[in-house]
Amino acid sequence: MQDKKRIQVVNLLKEFLTTDVQEKKDVQKIIELVEANENIFVRDCLRAHLTGSALVINPETKQILLHNHKKLNKWLQFGGHADGETDLSVVAFKEAEEETGLSDLYFYSAKPMDIEVQTIPENKGAPEHLHLDFRYLIFTKATEVPTPEEHESQDLKFFSFEEVYKMSEKLDNALIRLIKKAEKEAVI
């Protein structure tokens, strides 16, 4: 592996403290894929590519902002493809700004809070592949549901931690893990 940016990603992953068995497996899988694929930062890497996402929380009101993903019809954090960007915190921040329409966002930490491998089903000619997601915690002072650009998410909602946990059967296990980390490490 010669690419300096891929080496930085691998080093970050080797230092990352996992919190459960699945996250540990995901980190190891991402290390293997980053080492094996020179084009891991772009969607052209059909087997897997890097993504960045952000859990947006108002730390004062302890409200979590999620969006109902159009294609998946699930409540999720905000995120997207690296598309050549090698700093995944930049990807997460940009996606959070674009998908929420908020301009007051700021990082809890520039390091990811959670790591996940997501299997993305075949869609519109794109084969099934993996999203190697670096998940960050981003804060806002917003208390009202924002109105993002028309082409972005239209169904956004603030949830309390209690509300999120009550609907946990409708959320991905990794999102619940991320929310629990945020509640434990940063919000309370």
C-alpha atoms as a PDB file:
ATOM      1  CA  MET A   1       0.000   0.000   0.000  1.00  0.00           C
ATOM      2  CA  GLN A   2       1.713   3.189  -1.188  1.00  0.00           C
ATOM      3  CA  ASP A   3      -0.958   5.846  -1.053  1.00  0.00           C
ATOM      4  CA  LYS A   4      -0.343   8.188   1.904  1.00  0.00           C
ATOM      5  CA  LYS A   5      -4.047   8.949   2.428  1.00  0.00           C
ATOM      6  CA  ARG A   6      -4.947   5.266   2.615  1.00  0.00           C
ATOM      7  CA  ILE A   7      -2.141   4.750   5.137  1.00  0.00           C
ATOM      8  CA  GLN A   8      -3.633   7.586   7.238  1.00  0.00           C
ATOM      9  CA  VAL A   9      -7.062   5.898   7.155  1.00  0.00           C
ATOM     10  CA  VAL A  10      -5.556   2.557   8.184  1.00  0.00           C
ATOM     11  CA  ASN A  11      -3.612   4.191  11.021  1.00  0.00           C
ATOM     12  CA  LEU A  12      -6.751   5.952  12.248  1.00  0.00           C
ATOM     13  CA  LEU A  13      -8.592   2.617  12.229  1.00  0.00           C
ATOM     14  CA  LYS A  14      -5.809   0.825  14.087  1.00  0.00           C
ATOM     15  CA  GLU A  15      -6.033   3.448  16.859  1.00  0.00           C
ATOM     16  CA  PHE A  16      -9.855   3.475  16.938  1.00  0.00           C
ATOM     17  CA  LEU A  17     -11.402   2.052  20.115  1.00  0.00           C
ATOM     18  CA  THR A  18     -14.275  -0.239  19.195  1.00  0.00           C
ATOM     19  CA  THR A  19     -17.181  -0.796  21.578  1.00  0.00           C
ATOM     20  CA  ASP A  20     -18.575  -4.138  20.438  1.00  0.00           C
ATOM     21  CA  VAL A  21     -17.728  -7.250  18.457  1.00  0.00           C
ATOM     22  CA  GLN A  22     -19.482  -6.079  15.283  1.00  0.00           C
ATOM     23  CA  GLU A  23     -17.677  -2.756  15.211  1.00  0.00           C
ATOM     24  CA  LYS A  24     -14.359  -4.560  15.745  1.00  0.00           C
ATOM     25  CA  LYS A  25     -15.123  -6.828  12.759  1.00  0.00           C
ATOM     26  CA  ASP A  26     -16.135  -3.797  10.676  1.00  0.00           C
ATOM     27  CA  VAL A  27     -12.901  -1.959  11.474  1.00  0.00           C
ATOM     28  CA  GLN A  28     -10.833  -5.000  10.478  1.00  0.00           C
ATOM     29  CA  LYS A  29     -12.825  -5.417   7.243  1.00  0.00           C
ATOM     30  CA  ILE A  30     -12.302  -1.746   6.345  1.00  0.00           C
ATOM     31  CA  ILE A  31      -8.564  -2.015   6.990  1.00  0.00           C
ATOM     32  CA  GLU A  32      -8.386  -4.984   4.603  1.00  0.00           C
ATOM     33  CA  LEU A  33     -10.418  -3.202   1.921  1.00  0.00           C
ATOM     34  CA  VAL A  34      -8.484   0.080   2.186  1.00  0.00           C
ATOM     35  CA  GLU A  35      -5.175  -1.787   1.907  1.00  0.00           C
ATOM     36  CA  ALA A  36      -6.422  -3.775  -1.108  1.00  0.00           C
ATOM     37  CA  ASN A  37      -8.109  -1.003  -3.149  1.00  0.00           C
ATOM     38  CA  GLU A  38      -6.245   2.049  -4.439  1.00  0.00           C
ATOM     39  CA  ASN A  39      -9.497   3.694  -5.549  1.00  0.00           C
ATOM     40  CA  ILE A  40     -11.340   3.210  -2.216  1.00  0.00           C
ATOM     41  CA  PHE A  41     -12.172   6.963  -1.999  1.00  0.00           C
ATOM     42  CA  VAL A  42     -14.371   6.881  -5.130  1.00  0.00           C
ATOM     43  CA  ARG A  43     -17.566   5.122  -6.163  1.00  0.00           C
ATOM     44  CA  ASP A  44     -15.686   3.484  -9.055  1.00  0.00           C
ATOM     45  CA  CYS A  45     -14.413   1.026  -6.464  1.00  0.00           C
ATOM     46  CA  LEU A  46     -17.403  -1.238  -7.032  1.00  0.00           C
ATOM     47  CA  ARG A  47     -16.763  -3.706  -4.231  1.00  0.00           C
ATOM     48  CA  ALA A  48     -16.630  -1.051  -1.486  1.00  0.00           C
ATOM     49  CA  HIS A  49     -15.942   2.647  -0.987  1.00  0.00           C
ATOM     50  CA  LEU A  50     -15.504   5.096   1.856  1.00  0.00           C
ATOM     51  CA  THR A  51     -18.341   7.257   3.149  1.00  0.00           C
ATOM     52  CA  GLY A  52     -18.713   9.830   5.894  1.00  0.00           C
ATOM     53  CA  SER A  53     -21.784  10.505   7.972  1.00  0.00           C
ATOM     54  CA  ALA A  54     -22.873  12.737  10.834  1.00  0.00           C
ATOM     55  CA  LEU A  55     -25.215  12.340  13.744  1.00  0.00           C
ATOM     56  CA  VAL A  56     -26.554  15.850  14.356  1.00  0.00           C
ATOM     57  CA  ILE A  57     -27.557  16.656  17.931  1.00  0.00           C
ATOM     58  CA  ASN A  58     -28.527  19.780  19.826  1.00  0.00           C
ATOM     59  CA  PRO A  59     -26.567  19.204  23.065  1.00  0.00           C
ATOM     60  CA  GLU A  60     -28.642  21.735  25.033  1.00  0.00           C
ATOM     61  CA  THR A  61     -32.055  20.258  24.219  1.00  0.00           C
ATOM     62  CA  LYS A  62     -30.661  16.727  23.810  1.00  0.00           C
ATOM     63  CA  GLN A  63     -32.539  16.365  20.539  1.00  0.00           C
ATOM     64  CA  ILE A  64     -31.277  14.205  17.668  1.00  0.00           C
ATOM     65  CA  LEU A  65     -31.959  15.337  14.101  1.00  0.00           C
ATOM     66  CA  LEU A  66     -32.571  12.457  11.681  1.00  0.00           C
ATOM     67  CA  HIS A  67     -33.932  12.186   8.165  1.00  0.00           C
ATOM     68  CA  ASN A  68     -36.106   9.593   6.552  1.00  0.00           C
ATOM     69  CA  HIS A  69     -33.943   8.315   3.702  1.00  0.00           C
ATOM     70  CA  LYS A  70     -35.908   8.444   0.429  1.00  0.00           C
ATOM     71  CA  LYS A  71     -34.616   5.198  -1.086  1.00  0.00           C
ATOM     72  CA  LEU A  72     -34.359   3.125   2.083  1.00  0.00           C
ATOM     73  CA  ASN A  73     -37.411   4.562   3.887  1.00  0.00           C
ATOM     74  CA  LYS A  74     -35.518   4.506   7.199  1.00  0.00           C
ATOM     75  CA  TRP A  75     -34.617   7.167   9.732  1.00  0.00           C
ATOM     76  CA  LEU A  76     -30.866   7.722   9.418  1.00  0.00           C
ATOM     77  CA  GLN A  77     -28.046  10.105  10.173  1.00  0.00           C
ATOM     78  CA  PHE A  78     -26.805  12.361   7.355  1.00  0.00           C
ATOM     79  CA  GLY A  79     -24.023  11.221   5.053  1.00  0.00           C
ATOM     80  CA  GLY A  80     -22.670  10.363   1.674  1.00  0.00           C
ATOM     81  CA  HIS A  81     -19.836   9.195  -0.558  1.00  0.00           C
ATOM     82  CA  ALA A  82     -16.281  10.477  -0.282  1.00  0.00           C
ATOM     83  CA  ASP A  83     -16.216  11.032  -4.071  1.00  0.00           C
ATOM     84  CA  GLY A  84     -12.455  11.543  -4.006  1.00  0.00           C
ATOM     85  CA  GLU A  85     -12.276  13.538  -0.758  1.00  0.00           C
ATOM     86  CA  THR A  86      -9.708  11.870   1.482  1.00  0.00           C
ATOM     87  CA  ASP A  87     -10.715  13.583   4.750  1.00  0.00           C
ATOM     88  CA  LEU A  88     -13.860  11.756   5.829  1.00  0.00           C
ATOM     89  CA  SER A  89     -14.691  14.380   8.466  1.00  0.00           C
ATOM     90  CA  VAL A  90     -14.989  16.883   5.600  1.00  0.00           C
ATOM     91  CA  VAL A  91     -17.373  14.489   3.830  1.00  0.00           C
ATOM     92  CA  ALA A  92     -19.536  14.074   6.942  1.00  0.00           C
ATOM     93  CA  PHE A  93     -19.660  17.827   7.608  1.00  0.00           C
ATOM     94  CA  LYS A  94     -20.483  18.715   3.994  1.00  0.00           C
ATOM     95  CA  GLU A  95     -23.247  16.119   3.830  1.00  0.00           C
ATOM     96  CA  ALA A  96     -24.717  17.283   7.151  1.00  0.00           C
ATOM     97  CA  GLU A  97     -24.783  20.910   5.925  1.00  0.00           C
ATOM     98  CA  GLU A  98     -26.298  20.006   2.562  1.00  0.00           C
ATOM     99  CA  GLU A  99     -28.861  17.518   3.855  1.00  0.00           C
ATOM    100  CA  THR A 100     -30.033  19.603   6.828  1.00  0.00           C
ATOM    101  CA  GLY A 101     -29.704  23.112   5.450  1.00  0.00           C
ATOM    102  CA  LEU A 102     -28.190  24.181   8.798  1.00  0.00           C
ATOM    103  CA  SER A 103     -25.293  26.635   8.855  1.00  0.00           C
ATOM    104  CA  ASP A 104     -24.402  26.529  12.567  1.00  0.00           C
ATOM    105  CA  LEU A 105     -22.970  23.011  12.684  1.00  0.00           C
ATOM    106  CA  TYR A 106     -19.798  22.217  14.612  1.00  0.00           C
ATOM    107  CA  PHE A 107     -17.887  19.045  15.485  1.00  0.00           C
ATOM    108  CA  TYR A 108     -17.882  17.389  18.869  1.00  0.00           C
ATOM    109  CA  SER A 109     -14.595  15.836  17.703  1.00  0.00           C
ATOM    110  CA  ALA A 110     -12.797  15.712  14.358  1.00  0.00           C
ATOM    111  CA  LYS A 111     -12.316  11.980  14.926  1.00  0.00           C
ATOM    112  CA  PRO A 112     -15.053   9.474  14.115  1.00  0.00           C
ATOM    113  CA  MET A 113     -17.228   8.306  16.975  1.00  0.00           C
ATOM    114  CA  ASP A 114     -18.324   5.120  15.244  1.00  0.00           C
ATOM    115  CA  ILE A 115     -17.328   2.900  12.319  1.00  0.00           C
ATOM    116  CA  GLU A 116     -19.655   0.692  10.285  1.00  0.00           C
ATOM    117  CA  VAL A 117     -19.689  -1.476   7.176  1.00  0.00           C
ATOM    118  CA  GLN A 118     -23.073  -1.201   5.430  1.00  0.00           C
ATOM    119  CA  THR A 119     -24.218  -3.550   2.690  1.00  0.00           C
ATOM    120  CA  ILE A 120     -25.931  -1.558  -0.052  1.00  0.00           C
ATOM    121  CA  PRO A 121     -28.270  -3.594  -2.255  1.00  0.00           C
ATOM    122  CA  GLU A 122     -28.075  -3.595  -6.055  1.00  0.00           C
ATOM    123  CA  ASN A 123     -29.839  -0.526  -7.451  1.00  0.00           C
ATOM    124  CA  LYS A 124     -30.188   1.019 -10.913  1.00  0.00           C
ATOM    125  CA  GLY A 125     -27.428  -1.087 -12.416  1.00  0.00           C
ATOM    126  CA  ALA A 126     -25.013  -0.575  -9.541  1.00  0.00           C
ATOM    127  CA  PRO A 127     -24.063  -3.943  -8.029  1.00  0.00           C
ATOM    128  CA  GLU A 128     -24.411  -4.736  -4.349  1.00  0.00           C
ATOM    129  CA  HIS A 129     -21.473  -3.138  -2.556  1.00  0.00           C
ATOM    130  CA  LEU A 130     -20.229  -1.967   0.813  1.00  0.00           C
ATOM    131  CA  HIS A 131     -20.194   1.509   2.315  1.00  0.00           C
ATOM    132  CA  LEU A 132     -17.294   1.868   4.706  1.00  0.00           C
ATOM    133  CA  ASP A 133     -18.789   4.536   6.935  1.00  0.00           C
ATOM    134  CA  PHE A 134     -16.878   6.829   9.291  1.00  0.00           C
ATOM    135  CA  ARG A 135     -19.475   8.374  11.602  1.00  0.00           C
ATOM    136  CA  TYR A 136     -18.995  11.699  13.358  1.00  0.00           C
ATOM    137  CA  LEU A 137     -20.911  13.602  16.005  1.00  0.00           C
ATOM    138  CA  ILE A 138     -21.847  17.107  14.960  1.00  0.00           C
ATOM    139  CA  PHE A 139     -23.656  19.640  17.135  1.00  0.00           C
ATOM    140  CA  THR A 140     -26.191  22.325  16.284  1.00  0.00           C
ATOM    141  CA  LYS A 141     -28.029  24.976  18.275  1.00  0.00           C
ATOM    142  CA  ALA A 142     -31.096  24.647  16.068  1.00  0.00           C
ATOM    143  CA  THR A 143     -34.369  23.838  17.788  1.00  0.00           C
ATOM    144  CA  GLU A 144     -36.668  23.996  14.777  1.00  0.00           C
ATOM    145  CA  VAL A 145     -36.708  21.409  12.022  1.00  0.00           C
ATOM    146  CA  PRO A 146     -34.690  22.915   9.167  1.00  0.00           C
ATOM    147  CA  THR A 147     -35.777  23.168   5.538  1.00  0.00           C
ATOM    148  CA  PRO A 148     -32.967  21.903   3.308  1.00  0.00           C
ATOM    149  CA  GLU A 149     -32.635  22.385  -0.439  1.00  0.00           C
ATOM    150  CA  GLU A 150     -35.448  20.798  -2.438  1.00  0.00           C
ATOM    151  CA  HIS A 151     -33.280  17.991  -3.878  1.00  0.00           C
ATOM    152  CA  GLU A 152     -32.091  16.986  -0.394  1.00  0.00           C
ATOM    153  CA  SER A 153     -33.980  15.204   2.403  1.00  0.00           C
ATOM    154  CA  GLN A 154     -37.467  16.535   2.932  1.00  0.00           C
ATOM    155  CA  ASP A 155     -38.569  14.486   5.930  1.00  0.00           C
ATOM    156  CA  LEU A 156     -36.453  15.657   8.872  1.00  0.00           C
ATOM    157  CA  LYS A 157     -37.365  15.441  12.527  1.00  0.00           C
ATOM    158  CA  PHE A 158     -35.871  16.076  15.948  1.00  0.00           C
ATOM    159  CA  PHE A 159     -36.178  13.113  18.332  1.00  0.00           C
ATOM    160  CA  SER A 160     -35.419  12.794  22.020  1.00  0.00           C
ATOM    161  CA  PHE A 161     -33.172   9.931  23.074  1.00  0.00           C
ATOM    162  CA  GLU A 162     -36.209   8.274  24.648  1.00  0.00           C
ATOM    163  CA  GLU A 163     -38.174   8.497  21.378  1.00  0.00           C
ATOM    164  CA  VAL A 164     -35.278   7.004  19.421  1.00  0.00           C
ATOM    165  CA  TYR A 165     -34.913   4.080  21.789  1.00  0.00           C
ATOM    166  CA  LYS A 166     -38.664   3.381  21.593  1.00  0.00           C
ATOM    167  CA  MET A 167     -38.426   3.083  17.809  1.00  0.00           C
ATOM    168  CA  SER A 168     -35.202   1.073  17.889  1.00  0.00           C
ATOM    169  CA  GLU A 169     -36.767  -1.818  15.956  1.00  0.00           C
ATOM    170  CA  LYS A 170     -37.127   0.594  13.006  1.00  0.00           C
ATOM    171  CA  LEU A 171     -33.494   1.744  13.168  1.00  0.00           C
ATOM    172  CA  ASP A 172     -30.241   0.058  12.217  1.00  0.00           C
ATOM    173  CA  ASN A 173     -28.373  -1.498  15.142  1.00  0.00           C
ATOM    174  CA  ALA A 174     -25.287   0.541  14.250  1.00  0.00           C
ATOM    175  CA  LEU A 175     -27.290   3.785  14.403  1.00  0.00           C
ATOM    176  CA  ILE A 176     -28.552   2.855  17.867  1.00  0.00           C
ATOM    177  CA  ARG A 177     -24.936   2.105  18.873  1.00  0.00           C
ATOM    178  CA  LEU A 178     -23.855   5.527  17.552  1.00  0.00           C
ATOM    179  CA  ILE A 179     -26.686   7.285  19.404  1.00  0.00           C
ATOM    180  CA  LYS A 180     -25.831   5.490  22.652  1.00  0.00           C
ATOM    181  CA  LYS A 181     -22.180   6.527  22.258  1.00  0.00           C
ATOM    182  CA  ALA A 182     -23.220  10.122  21.658  1.00  0.00           C
ATOM    183  CA  GLU A 183     -25.490  10.121  24.688  1.00  0.00           C
ATOM    184  CA  LYS A 184     -22.840   8.560  26.940  1.00  0.00           C
ATOM    185  CA  GLU A 185     -19.727  10.367  25.721  1.00  0.00           C
ATOM    186  CA  ALA A 186     -20.866  13.768  24.632  1.00  0.00           C
ATOM    187  CA  VAL A 187     -24.352  14.801  25.576  1.00  0.00           C
ATOM    188  CA  ILE A 188     -24.896  13.828  29.203  1.00  0.00           C
END
